[in-house]
């Protein structure tokens, strides 16, 4: 006989071999795209941006949220041949704001190939010294 248990938001259903031998009588209910409480992705059925989408990672609500919304909206609604090419000022304003909050918006520094070679050489030299010392 099948049984079910709840773990947080998940419901786990255990079934037996006998449970699988009979056809399922489950009925699937189609999602209502007009349900205001239904979670949607980044773009709502209306074509508007869903600022509450977890996929934005809170960017729309931080100290630079307004700048992010302006830049993202401009890009989303852009009709230029090169999409977003008319949004440079908005993205620049967002970037300038983010630079004021480096703890919240860490900048990814691009590593130069020469730096990587130097790090590799240093670590290989340290490994060689350790091997010589343990012989």
Protein backbone atom coordinates (compact mmCIF):
# COMPACT_ATOMS: atom_id res chain seq x y z
CA UNK A 1 0.00 0.00 0.00
CA UNK A 2 1.31 3.48 -0.89
CA UNK A 3 1.99 6.13 1.71
CA UNK A 4 3.05 9.74 1.63
CA UNK A 5 5.14 12.02 3.80
CA UNK A 6 5.81 15.75 3.69
CA UNK A 7 9.39 17.11 3.92
CA UNK A 8 9.34 20.88 3.79
CA UNK A 9 7.76 21.93 0.52
CA UNK A 10 8.14 18.44 -0.99
CA UNK A 11 5.63 15.63 -0.81
CA UNK A 12 7.20 12.17 -1.13
CA UNK A 13 4.97 9.31 -2.23
CA UNK A 14 6.10 5.73 -1.75
CA UNK A 15 4.37 3.07 -3.84
CA UNK A 16 4.54 -0.70 -4.00
CA UNK A 17 4.81 -2.98 -7.00
CA UNK A 18 1.10 -3.71 -6.64
CA UNK A 19 0.32 0.02 -6.83
CA UNK A 20 2.06 0.15 -10.22
CA UNK A 21 0.12 -2.80 -11.59
CA UNK A 22 -3.16 -0.87 -11.77
CA UNK A 23 -3.67 2.00 -14.23
CA UNK A 24 -3.40 5.51 -12.82
CA UNK A 25 -6.55 7.52 -12.27
CA UNK A 26 -4.75 10.83 -11.77
CA UNK A 27 -6.21 13.83 -13.57
CA UNK A 28 -3.95 16.61 -14.79
CA UNK A 29 -5.25 20.16 -14.45
CA UNK A 30 -4.11 22.69 -17.04
CA UNK A 31 -2.39 25.81 -15.70
CA UNK A 32 -4.46 28.98 -15.87
CA UNK A 33 -2.25 31.64 -17.51
CA UNK A 34 -4.50 34.35 -16.07
CA UNK A 35 -4.12 33.18 -12.46
CA UNK A 36 -2.52 36.17 -10.69
CA UNK A 37 -1.15 33.89 -7.97
CA UNK A 38 0.54 31.46 -10.35
CA UNK A 39 4.30 31.83 -10.49
CA UNK A 40 5.57 32.91 -13.87
CA UNK A 41 9.01 33.20 -15.37
CA UNK A 42 10.82 36.38 -16.27
CA UNK A 43 8.25 37.51 -18.82
CA UNK A 44 4.56 37.51 -17.85
CA UNK A 45 1.91 36.33 -20.31
CA UNK A 46 1.13 40.00 -20.99
CA UNK A 47 4.72 40.52 -22.20
CA UNK A 48 5.62 42.64 -19.17
CA UNK A 49 8.69 41.95 -17.05
CA UNK A 50 8.10 39.96 -13.85
CA UNK A 51 10.24 41.93 -11.39
CA UNK A 52 9.46 39.32 -8.70
CA UNK A 53 11.04 36.48 -10.67
CA UNK A 54 13.67 34.70 -8.53
CA UNK A 55 15.76 34.43 -11.70
CA UNK A 56 16.69 38.11 -11.25
CA UNK A 57 18.45 37.26 -8.00
CA UNK A 58 17.16 40.35 -6.19
CA UNK A 59 18.78 42.74 -8.67
CA UNK A 60 15.53 44.68 -9.03
CA UNK A 61 15.30 45.42 -5.31
CA UNK A 62 18.85 46.32 -4.23
CA UNK A 63 20.33 49.80 -3.91
CA UNK A 64 20.73 49.89 -7.69
CA UNK A 65 17.33 48.33 -8.35
CA UNK A 66 15.91 51.35 -10.14
CA UNK A 67 18.95 51.59 -12.44
CA UNK A 68 18.73 47.83 -13.11
CA UNK A 69 15.01 48.12 -13.93
CA UNK A 70 15.64 51.03 -16.28
CA UNK A 71 18.43 49.22 -18.14
CA UNK A 72 16.65 45.87 -18.30
CA UNK A 73 13.36 47.47 -19.39
CA UNK A 74 15.12 49.46 -22.07
CA UNK A 75 16.75 46.29 -23.40
CA UNK A 76 13.56 44.21 -23.20
CA UNK A 77 11.46 46.76 -25.07
CA UNK A 78 14.22 47.85 -27.48
CA UNK A 79 13.25 47.78 -31.14
CA UNK A 80 16.66 48.74 -32.52
CA UNK A 81 18.33 46.54 -35.15
CA UNK A 82 21.05 45.78 -32.61
CA UNK A 83 18.79 45.08 -29.65
CA UNK A 84 19.66 47.28 -26.69
CA UNK A 85 21.99 49.57 -28.61
CA UNK A 86 19.76 52.45 -27.52
CA UNK A 87 20.26 51.54 -23.83
CA UNK A 88 23.92 52.42 -23.32
CA UNK A 89 23.16 55.32 -20.96
CA UNK A 90 20.92 53.17 -18.75
CA UNK A 91 23.48 50.37 -18.53
CA UNK A 92 26.24 52.89 -17.78
CA UNK A 93 24.16 54.36 -14.93
CA UNK A 94 23.56 50.85 -13.56
CA UNK A 95 27.27 50.01 -13.74
CA UNK A 96 28.25 53.27 -12.01
CA UNK A 97 25.77 52.57 -9.22
CA UNK A 98 27.04 49.00 -8.77
CA UNK A 99 30.62 50.21 -8.49
CA UNK A 100 29.56 52.22 -5.41
CA UNK A 101 28.55 48.96 -3.67
CA UNK A 102 31.38 46.47 -4.31
CA UNK A 103 30.31 44.23 -1.41
CA UNK A 104 26.85 43.75 -2.91
CA UNK A 105 27.90 43.71 -6.56
CA UNK A 106 31.38 42.14 -6.76
CA UNK A 107 33.18 42.88 -9.98
CA UNK A 108 34.56 39.88 -11.81
CA UNK A 109 38.12 40.68 -12.70
CA UNK A 110 39.34 39.12 -15.88
CA UNK A 111 42.58 37.30 -15.30
CA UNK A 112 45.30 37.98 -17.82
CA UNK A 113 46.95 34.89 -19.37
CA UNK A 114 50.34 36.09 -18.09
CA UNK A 115 48.99 36.16 -14.52
CA UNK A 116 47.78 32.56 -14.86
CA UNK A 117 51.17 31.44 -16.17
CA UNK A 118 52.91 33.15 -13.25
CA UNK A 119 50.55 31.51 -10.71
CA UNK A 120 51.11 28.09 -12.33
CA UNK A 121 54.89 28.54 -12.24
CA UNK A 122 54.82 29.57 -8.57
CA UNK A 123 52.64 26.61 -7.54
CA UNK A 124 54.78 24.16 -9.55
CA UNK A 125 57.94 25.51 -7.92
CA UNK A 126 56.39 25.09 -4.47
CA UNK A 127 55.35 21.51 -5.29
CA UNK A 128 58.88 20.69 -6.51
CA UNK A 129 60.42 22.09 -3.28
CA UNK A 130 57.99 20.04 -1.16
CA UNK A 131 58.84 16.87 -3.09
CA UNK A 132 62.59 17.49 -2.72
CA UNK A 133 62.20 18.15 1.01
CA UNK A 134 60.30 14.91 1.63
CA UNK A 135 62.85 12.67 -0.18
